[in-house]
Amino acid sequence: MADDLHDAVGNPDVLGKPVGRDAALDRPSAVRSLGIDGAIAHLNRLVAEAAASIPPCPGAEGLKELIIMETERFLPRELWPRAA
């Protein structure tokens, strides 16, 4: 999901690789299937599900916060203001 978003709107200088390859090579992609907003929403759902799957235990809340915080690394900076 995140790689598809990076390929669609990422900065090649930041990523260190070309972008737009999925579309150029007609590869399946979450962005092509769901659109950018749909792919972001799906990524957010996946992150929320991952955080919710942590069982009650010492440190669970910190781990949930870490999972959510790490989403910023998965989502291209260009899309952060659009993330819900």
PDB file of N, CA and C in Angstrom:
ATOM      1  N   MET A   1       0.821  -1.173   0.000  1.00  0.00           N
ATOM      2  CA  MET A   1       0.000   0.000   0.000  1.00  0.00           C
ATOM      3  C   MET A   1       0.875   1.250   0.000  1.00  0.00           C
ATOM      4  N   ALA A   2       1.782   1.310   0.958  1.00  0.00           N
ATOM      5  CA  ALA A   2       2.643   2.486   1.059  1.00  0.00           C
ATOM      6  C   ALA A   2       3.542   2.621  -0.165  1.00  0.00           C
ATOM      7  N   ASP A   3       4.060   1.506  -0.658  1.00  0.00           N
ATOM      8  CA  ASP A   3       4.919   1.562  -1.841  1.00  0.00           C
ATOM      9  C   ASP A   3       4.143   2.081  -3.048  1.00  0.00           C
ATOM     10  N   ASP A   4       2.892   1.662  -3.169  1.00  0.00           N
ATOM     11  CA  ASP A   4       2.062   2.155  -4.274  1.00  0.00           C
ATOM     12  C   ASP A   4       1.858   3.661  -4.162  1.00  0.00           C
ATOM     13  N   LEU A   5       1.651   4.156  -2.949  1.00  0.00           N
ATOM     14  CA  LEU A   5       1.499   5.599  -2.741  1.00  0.00           C
ATOM     15  C   LEU A   5       2.804   6.324  -3.067  1.00  0.00           C
ATOM     16  N   HIS A   6       3.916   5.773  -2.615  1.00  0.00           N
ATOM     17  CA  HIS A   6       5.210   6.391  -2.933  1.00  0.00           C
ATOM     18  C   HIS A   6       5.424   6.434  -4.441  1.00  0.00           C
ATOM     19  N   ASP A   7       5.089   5.364  -5.134  1.00  0.00           N
ATOM     20  CA  ASP A   7       5.282   5.320  -6.579  1.00  0.00           C
ATOM     21  C   ASP A   7       4.407   6.344  -7.288  1.00  0.00           C
ATOM     22  N   ALA A   8       3.219   6.594  -6.759  1.00  0.00           N
ATOM     23  CA  ALA A   8       2.290   7.516  -7.413  1.00  0.00           C
ATOM     24  C   ALA A   8       2.637   8.978  -7.155  1.00  0.00           C
ATOM     25  N   VAL A   9       3.070   9.311  -5.950  1.00  0.00           N
ATOM     26  CA  VAL A   9       3.248  10.727  -5.619  1.00  0.00           C
ATOM     27  C   VAL A   9       4.545  11.048  -4.898  1.00  0.00           C
ATOM     28  N   GLY A  10       5.388  10.051  -4.709  1.00  0.00           N
ATOM     29  CA  GLY A  10       6.620  10.275  -3.960  1.00  0.00           C
ATOM     30  C   GLY A  10       7.619  11.130  -4.716  1.00  0.00           C
ATOM     31  N   ASN A  11       8.626  11.547  -3.992  1.00  0.00           N
ATOM     32  CA  ASN A  11       9.705  12.345  -4.546  1.00  0.00           C
ATOM     33  C   ASN A  11      10.866  11.405  -4.864  1.00  0.00           C
ATOM     34  N   PRO A  12      11.252  11.310  -6.127  1.00  0.00           N
ATOM     35  CA  PRO A  12      12.325  10.370  -6.481  1.00  0.00           C
ATOM     36  C   PRO A  12      13.649  10.690  -5.790  1.00  0.00           C
ATOM     37  N   ASP A  13      13.901  11.963  -5.496  1.00  0.00           N
ATOM     38  CA  ASP A  13      15.139  12.323  -4.805  1.00  0.00           C
ATOM     39  C   ASP A  13      15.139  11.794  -3.376  1.00  0.00           C
ATOM     40  N   VAL A  14      13.981  11.804  -2.728  1.00  0.00           N
ATOM     41  CA  VAL A  14      13.871  11.297  -1.362  1.00  0.00           C
ATOM     42  C   VAL A  14      13.898   9.771  -1.362  1.00  0.00           C
ATOM     43  N   LEU A  15      13.174   9.174  -2.305  1.00  0.00           N
ATOM     44  CA  LEU A  15      13.073   7.720  -2.367  1.00  0.00           C
ATOM     45  C   LEU A  15      14.343   7.059  -2.898  1.00  0.00           C
ATOM     46  N   GLY A  16      15.074   7.783  -3.708  1.00  0.00           N
ATOM     47  CA  GLY A  16      16.266   7.203  -4.311  1.00  0.00           C
ATOM     48  C   GLY A  16      15.951   6.252  -5.444  1.00  0.00           C
ATOM     49  N   LYS A  17      14.760   6.381  -5.999  1.00  0.00           N
ATOM     50  CA  LYS A  17      14.367   5.548  -7.137  1.00  0.00           C
ATOM     51  C   LYS A  17      13.312   6.290  -7.942  1.00  0.00           C
ATOM     52  N   PRO A  18      13.129   5.905  -9.189  1.00  0.00           N
ATOM     53  CA  PRO A  18      12.124   6.600 -10.003  1.00  0.00           C
ATOM     54  C   PRO A  18      10.707   6.347  -9.486  1.00  0.00           C
ATOM     55  N   VAL A  19       9.822   7.268  -9.760  1.00  0.00           N
ATOM     56  CA  VAL A  19       8.411   7.111  -9.410  1.00  0.00           C
ATOM     57  C   VAL A  19       7.598   7.022 -10.703  1.00  0.00           C
ATOM     58  N   GLY A  20       6.356   6.610 -10.568  1.00  0.00           N
ATOM     59  CA  GLY A  20       5.482   6.494 -11.731  1.00  0.00           C
ATOM     60  C   GLY A  20       5.676   5.213 -12.513  1.00  0.00           C
ATOM     61  N   ARG A  21       6.431   4.278 -11.962  1.00  0.00           N
ATOM     62  CA  ARG A  21       6.728   3.041 -12.686  1.00  0.00           C
ATOM     63  C   ARG A  21       5.507   2.126 -12.780  1.00  0.00           C
ATOM     64  N   ASP A  22       4.653   2.106 -11.736  1.00  0.00           N
ATOM     65  CA  ASP A  22       3.476   1.236 -11.782  1.00  0.00           C
ATOM     66  C   ASP A  22       2.591   1.594 -12.973  1.00  0.00           C
ATOM     67  N   ALA A  23       2.325   2.875 -13.136  1.00  0.00           N
ATOM     68  CA  ALA A  23       1.485   3.312 -14.258  1.00  0.00           C
ATOM     69  C   ALA A  23       2.196   3.079 -15.589  1.00  0.00           C
ATOM     70  N   ALA A  24       3.485   3.417 -15.637  1.00  0.00           N
ATOM     71  CA  ALA A  24       4.230   3.277 -16.889  1.00  0.00           C
ATOM     72  C   ALA A  24       4.297   1.823 -17.356  1.00  0.00           C
ATOM     73  N   LEU A  25       4.366   0.895 -16.404  1.00  0.00           N
ATOM     74  CA  LEU A  25       4.470  -0.524 -16.748  1.00  0.00           C
ATOM     75  C   LEU A  25       3.136  -1.251 -16.626  1.00  0.00           C
ATOM     76  N   ASP A  26       2.068  -0.493 -16.422  1.00  0.00           N
ATOM     77  CA  ASP A  26       0.709  -1.039 -16.309  1.00  0.00           C
ATOM     78  C   ASP A  26       0.621  -2.109 -15.223  1.00  0.00           C
ATOM     79  N   ARG A  27       1.298  -1.853 -14.112  1.00  0.00           N
ATOM     80  CA  ARG A  27       1.270  -2.788 -12.980  1.00  0.00           C
ATOM     81  C   ARG A  27       0.028  -2.536 -12.134  1.00  0.00           C
ATOM     82  N   PRO A  28      -0.507  -3.572 -11.523  1.00  0.00           N
ATOM     83  CA  PRO A  28      -1.605  -3.356 -10.582  1.00  0.00           C
ATOM     84  C   PRO A  28      -1.090  -2.553  -9.392  1.00  0.00           C
ATOM     85  N   SER A  29      -1.943  -1.699  -8.858  1.00  0.00           N
ATOM     86  CA  SER A  29      -1.540  -0.880  -7.719  1.00  0.00           C
ATOM     87  C   SER A  29      -2.774  -0.443  -6.953  1.00  0.00           C
ATOM     88  N   ALA A  30      -2.598  -0.270  -5.651  1.00  0.00           N
ATOM     89  CA  ALA A  30      -3.706   0.198  -4.813  1.00  0.00           C
ATOM     90  C   ALA A  30      -4.156   1.584  -5.243  1.00  0.00           C
ATOM     91  N   VAL A  31      -3.228   2.422  -5.645  1.00  0.00           N
ATOM     92  CA  VAL A  31      -3.588   3.774  -6.076  1.00  0.00           C
ATOM     93  C   VAL A  31      -4.405   3.717  -7.362  1.00  0.00           C
ATOM     94  N   ARG A  32      -4.024   2.852  -8.267  1.00  0.00           N
ATOM     95  CA  ARG A  32      -4.793   2.733  -9.518  1.00  0.00           C
ATOM     96  C   ARG A  32      -6.177   2.161  -9.256  1.00  0.00           C
ATOM     97  N   SER A  33      -6.292   1.254  -8.285  1.00  0.00           N
ATOM     98  CA  SER A  33      -7.583   0.636  -7.969  1.00  0.00           C
ATOM     99  C   SER A  33      -8.468   1.517  -7.110  1.00  0.00           C
ATOM    100  N   LEU A  34      -7.873   2.181  -6.130  1.00  0.00           N
ATOM    101  CA  LEU A  34      -8.653   2.913  -5.126  1.00  0.00           C
ATOM    102  C   LEU A  34      -8.546   4.427  -5.240  1.00  0.00           C
ATOM    103  N   GLY A  35      -7.620   4.919  -6.032  1.00  0.00           N
ATOM    104  CA  GLY A  35      -7.333   6.349  -6.055  1.00  0.00           C
ATOM    105  C   GLY A  35      -6.457   6.697  -4.852  1.00  0.00           C
ATOM    106  N   ILE A  36      -5.899   7.882  -4.872  1.00  0.00           N
ATOM    107  CA  ILE A  36      -4.999   8.278  -3.790  1.00  0.00           C
ATOM    108  C   ILE A  36      -5.734   8.328  -2.457  1.00  0.00           C
ATOM    109  N   ASP A  37      -6.881   8.990  -2.430  1.00  0.00           N
ATOM    110  CA  ASP A  37      -7.624   9.088  -1.170  1.00  0.00           C
ATOM    111  C   ASP A  37      -8.062   7.711  -0.668  1.00  0.00           C
ATOM    112  N   GLY A  38      -8.467   6.831  -1.564  1.00  0.00           N
ATOM    113  CA  GLY A  38      -8.867   5.483  -1.167  1.00  0.00           C
ATOM    114  C   GLY A  38      -7.698   4.673  -0.644  1.00  0.00           C
ATOM    115  N   ALA A  39      -6.535   4.828  -1.271  1.00  0.00           N
ATOM    116  CA  ALA A  39      -5.340   4.111  -0.811  1.00  0.00           C
ATOM    117  C   ALA A  39      -4.906   4.621   0.564  1.00  0.00           C
ATOM    118  N   ILE A  40      -4.988   5.926   0.774  1.00  0.00           N
ATOM    119  CA  ILE A  40      -4.664   6.488   2.088  1.00  0.00           C
ATOM    120  C   ILE A  40      -5.634   5.954   3.129  1.00  0.00           C
ATOM    121  N   ALA A  41      -6.920   5.953   2.806  1.00  0.00           N
ATOM    122  CA  ALA A  41      -7.927   5.449   3.748  1.00  0.00           C
ATOM    123  C   ALA A  41      -7.671   3.983   4.072  1.00  0.00           C
ATOM    124  N   HIS A  42      -7.315   3.202   3.056  1.00  0.00           N
ATOM    125  CA  HIS A  42      -7.047   1.784   3.284  1.00  0.00           C
ATOM    126  C   HIS A  42      -5.799   1.600   4.158  1.00  0.00           C
ATOM    127  N   LEU A  43      -4.752   2.372   3.898  1.00  0.00           N
ATOM    128  CA  LEU A  43      -3.556   2.311   4.735  1.00  0.00           C
ATOM    129  C   LEU A  43      -3.905   2.671   6.174  1.00  0.00           C
ATOM    130  N   ASN A  44      -4.695   3.710   6.355  1.00  0.00           N
ATOM    131  CA  ASN A  44      -5.106   4.102   7.711  1.00  0.00           C
ATOM    132  C   ASN A  44      -5.894   2.988   8.397  1.00  0.00           C
ATOM    133  N   ARG A  45      -6.755   2.302   7.642  1.00  0.00           N
ATOM    134  CA  ARG A  45      -7.504   1.168   8.217  1.00  0.00           C
ATOM    135  C   ARG A  45      -6.562   0.050   8.635  1.00  0.00           C
ATOM    136  N   LEU A  46      -5.594  -0.258   7.792  1.00  0.00           N
ATOM    137  CA  LEU A  46      -4.631  -1.310   8.121  1.00  0.00           C
ATOM    138  C   LEU A  46      -3.846  -0.967   9.385  1.00  0.00           C
ATOM    139  N   VAL A  47      -3.446   0.278   9.506  1.00  0.00           N
ATOM    140  CA  VAL A  47      -2.696   0.711  10.689  1.00  0.00           C
ATOM    141  C   VAL A  47      -3.581   0.625  11.924  1.00  0.00           C
ATOM    142  N   ALA A  48      -4.827   1.065  11.809  1.00  0.00           N
ATOM    143  CA  ALA A  48      -5.750   0.996  12.940  1.00  0.00           C
ATOM    144  C   ALA A  48      -5.999  -0.453  13.351  1.00  0.00           C
ATOM    145  N   GLU A  49      -6.148  -1.346  12.375  1.00  0.00           N
ATOM    146  CA  GLU A  49      -6.348  -2.764  12.681  1.00  0.00           C
ATOM    147  C   GLU A  49      -5.112  -3.354  13.372  1.00  0.00           C
ATOM    148  N   ALA A  50      -3.937  -2.967  12.912  1.00  0.00           N
ATOM    149  CA  ALA A  50      -2.707  -3.460  13.543  1.00  0.00           C
ATOM    150  C   ALA A  50      -2.635  -2.993  14.992  1.00  0.00           C
ATOM    151  N   ALA A  51      -2.939  -1.731  15.222  1.00  0.00           N
ATOM    152  CA  ALA A  51      -2.900  -1.202  16.591  1.00  0.00           C
ATOM    153  C   ALA A  51      -3.954  -1.882  17.460  1.00  0.00           C
ATOM    154  N   ALA A  52      -5.128  -2.116  16.907  1.00  0.00           N
ATOM    155  CA  ALA A  52      -6.213  -2.740  17.678  1.00  0.00           C
ATOM    156  C   ALA A  52      -5.932  -4.212  17.971  1.00  0.00           C
ATOM    157  N   SER A  53      -5.059  -4.833  17.215  1.00  0.00           N
ATOM    158  CA  SER A  53      -4.797  -6.265  17.411  1.00  0.00           C
ATOM    159  C   SER A  53      -3.845  -6.550  18.575  1.00  0.00           C
ATOM    160  N   ILE A  54      -3.268  -5.517  19.130  1.00  0.00           N
ATOM    161  CA  ILE A  54      -2.335  -5.712  20.245  1.00  0.00           C
ATOM    162  C   ILE A  54      -3.135  -6.093  21.489  1.00  0.00           C
ATOM    163  N   PRO A  55      -2.823  -7.227  22.079  1.00  0.00           N
ATOM    164  CA  PRO A  55      -3.577  -7.651  23.262  1.00  0.00           C
ATOM    165  C   PRO A  55      -3.210  -6.793  24.473  1.00  0.00           C
ATOM    166  N   PRO A  56      -4.109  -6.771  25.457  1.00  0.00           N
ATOM    167  CA  PRO A  56      -3.776  -6.039  26.685  1.00  0.00           C
ATOM    168  C   PRO A  56      -2.512  -6.629  27.319  1.00  0.00           C
ATOM    169  N   CYS A  57      -1.533  -5.776  27.542  1.00  0.00           N
ATOM    170  CA  CYS A  57      -0.280  -6.206  28.151  1.00  0.00           C
ATOM    171  C   CYS A  57       0.490  -4.960  28.571  1.00  0.00           C
ATOM    172  N   PRO A  58       1.494  -5.123  29.411  1.00  0.00           N
ATOM    173  CA  PRO A  58       2.314  -3.968  29.751  1.00  0.00           C
ATOM    174  C   PRO A  58       2.963  -3.393  28.484  1.00  0.00           C
ATOM    175  N   GLY A  59       2.865  -2.107  28.302  1.00  0.00           N
ATOM    176  CA  GLY A  59       3.463  -1.455  27.143  1.00  0.00           C
ATOM    177  C   GLY A  59       2.584  -1.425  25.913  1.00  0.00           C
ATOM    178  N   ALA A  60       1.368  -1.944  26.005  1.00  0.00           N
ATOM    179  CA  ALA A  60       0.493  -2.003  24.828  1.00  0.00           C
ATOM    180  C   ALA A  60       0.206  -0.615  24.264  1.00  0.00           C
ATOM    181  N   GLU A  61      -0.074   0.336  25.134  1.00  0.00           N
ATOM    182  CA  GLU A  61      -0.408   1.680  24.648  1.00  0.00           C
ATOM    183  C   GLU A  61       0.784   2.311  23.928  1.00  0.00           C
ATOM    184  N   GLY A  62       1.979   2.132  24.455  1.00  0.00           N
ATOM    185  CA  GLY A  62       3.168   2.659  23.798  1.00  0.00           C
ATOM    186  C   GLY A  62       3.396   2.019  22.439  1.00  0.00           C
ATOM    187  N   LEU A  63       3.139   0.728  22.359  1.00  0.00           N
ATOM    188  CA  LEU A  63       3.295   0.030  21.083  1.00  0.00           C
ATOM    189  C   LEU A  63       2.267   0.527  20.076  1.00  0.00           C
ATOM    190  N   LYS A  64       1.039   0.741  20.507  1.00  0.00           N
ATOM    191  CA  LYS A  64       0.005   1.277  19.610  1.00  0.00           C
ATOM    192  C   LYS A  64       0.415   2.651  19.082  1.00  0.00           C
ATOM    193  N   GLU A  65       0.914   3.497  19.973  1.00  0.00           N
ATOM    194  CA  GLU A  65       1.361   4.826  19.543  1.00  0.00           C
ATOM    195  C   GLU A  65       2.508   4.717  18.542  1.00  0.00           C
ATOM    196  N   LEU A  66       3.419   3.787  18.765  1.00  0.00           N
ATOM    197  CA  LEU A  66       4.545   3.593  17.853  1.00  0.00           C
ATOM    198  C   LEU A  66       4.064   3.156  16.475  1.00  0.00           C
ATOM    199  N   ILE A  67       3.114   2.248  16.433  1.00  0.00           N
ATOM    200  CA  ILE A  67       2.568   1.795  15.145  1.00  0.00           C
ATOM    201  C   ILE A  67       1.977   2.966  14.379  1.00  0.00           C
ATOM    202  N   ILE A  68       1.208   3.773  15.056  1.00  0.00           N
ATOM    203  CA  ILE A  68       0.575   4.921  14.405  1.00  0.00           C
ATOM    204  C   ILE A  68       1.623   5.936  13.967  1.00  0.00           C
ATOM    205  N   MET A  69       2.614   6.191  14.816  1.00  0.00           N
ATOM    206  CA  MET A  69       3.666   7.141  14.480  1.00  0.00           C
ATOM    207  C   MET A  69       4.467   6.667  13.262  1.00  0.00           C
ATOM    208  N   GLU A  70       4.720   5.381  13.179  1.00  0.00           N
ATOM    209  CA  GLU A  70       5.491   4.846  12.065  1.00  0.00           C
ATOM    210  C   GLU A  70       4.774   5.008  10.728  1.00  0.00           C
ATOM    211  N   THR A  71       3.469   5.218  10.765  1.00  0.00           N
ATOM    212  CA  THR A  71       2.724   5.425   9.527  1.00  0.00           C
ATOM    213  C   THR A  71       3.287   6.602   8.751  1.00  0.00           C
ATOM    214  N   GLU A  72       3.783   7.598   9.448  1.00  0.00           N
ATOM    215  CA  GLU A  72       4.359   8.752   8.762  1.00  0.00           C
ATOM    216  C   GLU A  72       5.551   8.336   7.904  1.00  0.00           C
ATOM    217  N   ARG A  73       6.259   7.288   8.295  1.00  0.00           N
ATOM    218  CA  ARG A  73       7.363   6.803   7.466  1.00  0.00           C
ATOM    219  C   ARG A  73       6.844   6.072   6.237  1.00  0.00           C
ATOM    220  N   PHE A  74       5.670   5.456   6.349  1.00  0.00           N
ATOM    221  CA  PHE A  74       5.098   4.713   5.233  1.00  0.00           C
ATOM    222  C   PHE A  74       4.432   5.629   4.216  1.00  0.00           C
ATOM    223  N   LEU A  75       3.852   6.711   4.700  1.00  0.00           N
ATOM    224  CA  LEU A  75       3.075   7.595   3.843  1.00  0.00           C
ATOM    225  C   LEU A  75       3.969   8.709   3.315  1.00  0.00           C
ATOM    226  N   PRO A  76       3.993   8.930   2.010  1.00  0.00           N
ATOM    227  CA  PRO A  76       4.832  10.007   1.480  1.00  0.00           C
ATOM    228  C   PRO A  76       4.488  11.338   2.152  1.00  0.00           C
ATOM    229  N   ARG A  77       5.511  12.087   2.468  1.00  0.00           N
ATOM    230  CA  ARG A  77       5.331  13.383   3.148  1.00  0.00           C
ATOM    231  C   ARG A  77       4.328  14.264   2.409  1.00  0.00           C
ATOM    232  N   GLU A  78       4.332  14.183   1.093  1.00  0.00           N
ATOM    233  CA  GLU A  78       3.418  15.000   0.289  1.00  0.00           C
ATOM    234  C   GLU A  78       1.946  14.741   0.644  1.00  0.00           C
ATOM    235  N   LEU A  79       1.659  13.582   1.229  1.00  0.00           N
ATOM    236  CA  LEU A  79       0.279  13.221   1.533  1.00  0.00           C
ATOM    237  C   LEU A  79      -0.094  13.391   2.994  1.00  0.00           C
ATOM    238  N   TRP A  80       0.836  13.751   3.864  1.00  0.00           N
ATOM    239  CA  TRP A  80       0.532  13.858   5.281  1.00  0.00           C
ATOM    240  C   TRP A  80      -0.663  14.747   5.573  1.00  0.00           C
ATOM    241  N   PRO A  81      -0.771  15.937   4.968  1.00  0.00           N
ATOM    242  CA  PRO A  81      -1.934  16.775   5.292  1.00  0.00           C
ATOM    243  C   PRO A  81      -3.261  16.138   4.881  1.00  0.00           C
ATOM    244  N   ARG A  82      -3.234  15.223   3.907  1.00  0.00           N
ATOM    245  CA  ARG A  82      -4.453  14.578   3.429  1.00  0.00           C
ATOM    246  C   ARG A  82      -4.850  13.388   4.303  1.00  0.00           C
ATOM    247  N   ALA A  83      -3.893  12.866   5.070  1.00  0.00           N
ATOM    248  CA  ALA A  83      -4.187  11.687   5.892  1.00  0.00           C
ATOM    249  C   ALA A  83      -5.183  12.045   6.979  1.00  0.00           C
ATOM    250  N   ALA A  84      -6.102  11.113   7.222  1.00  0.00           N
ATOM    251  CA  ALA A  84      -7.126  11.360   8.233  1.00  0.00           C
ATOM    252  C   ALA A  84      -6.709  10.760   9.548  1.00  0.00           C
TER     253      ALA A  84
END
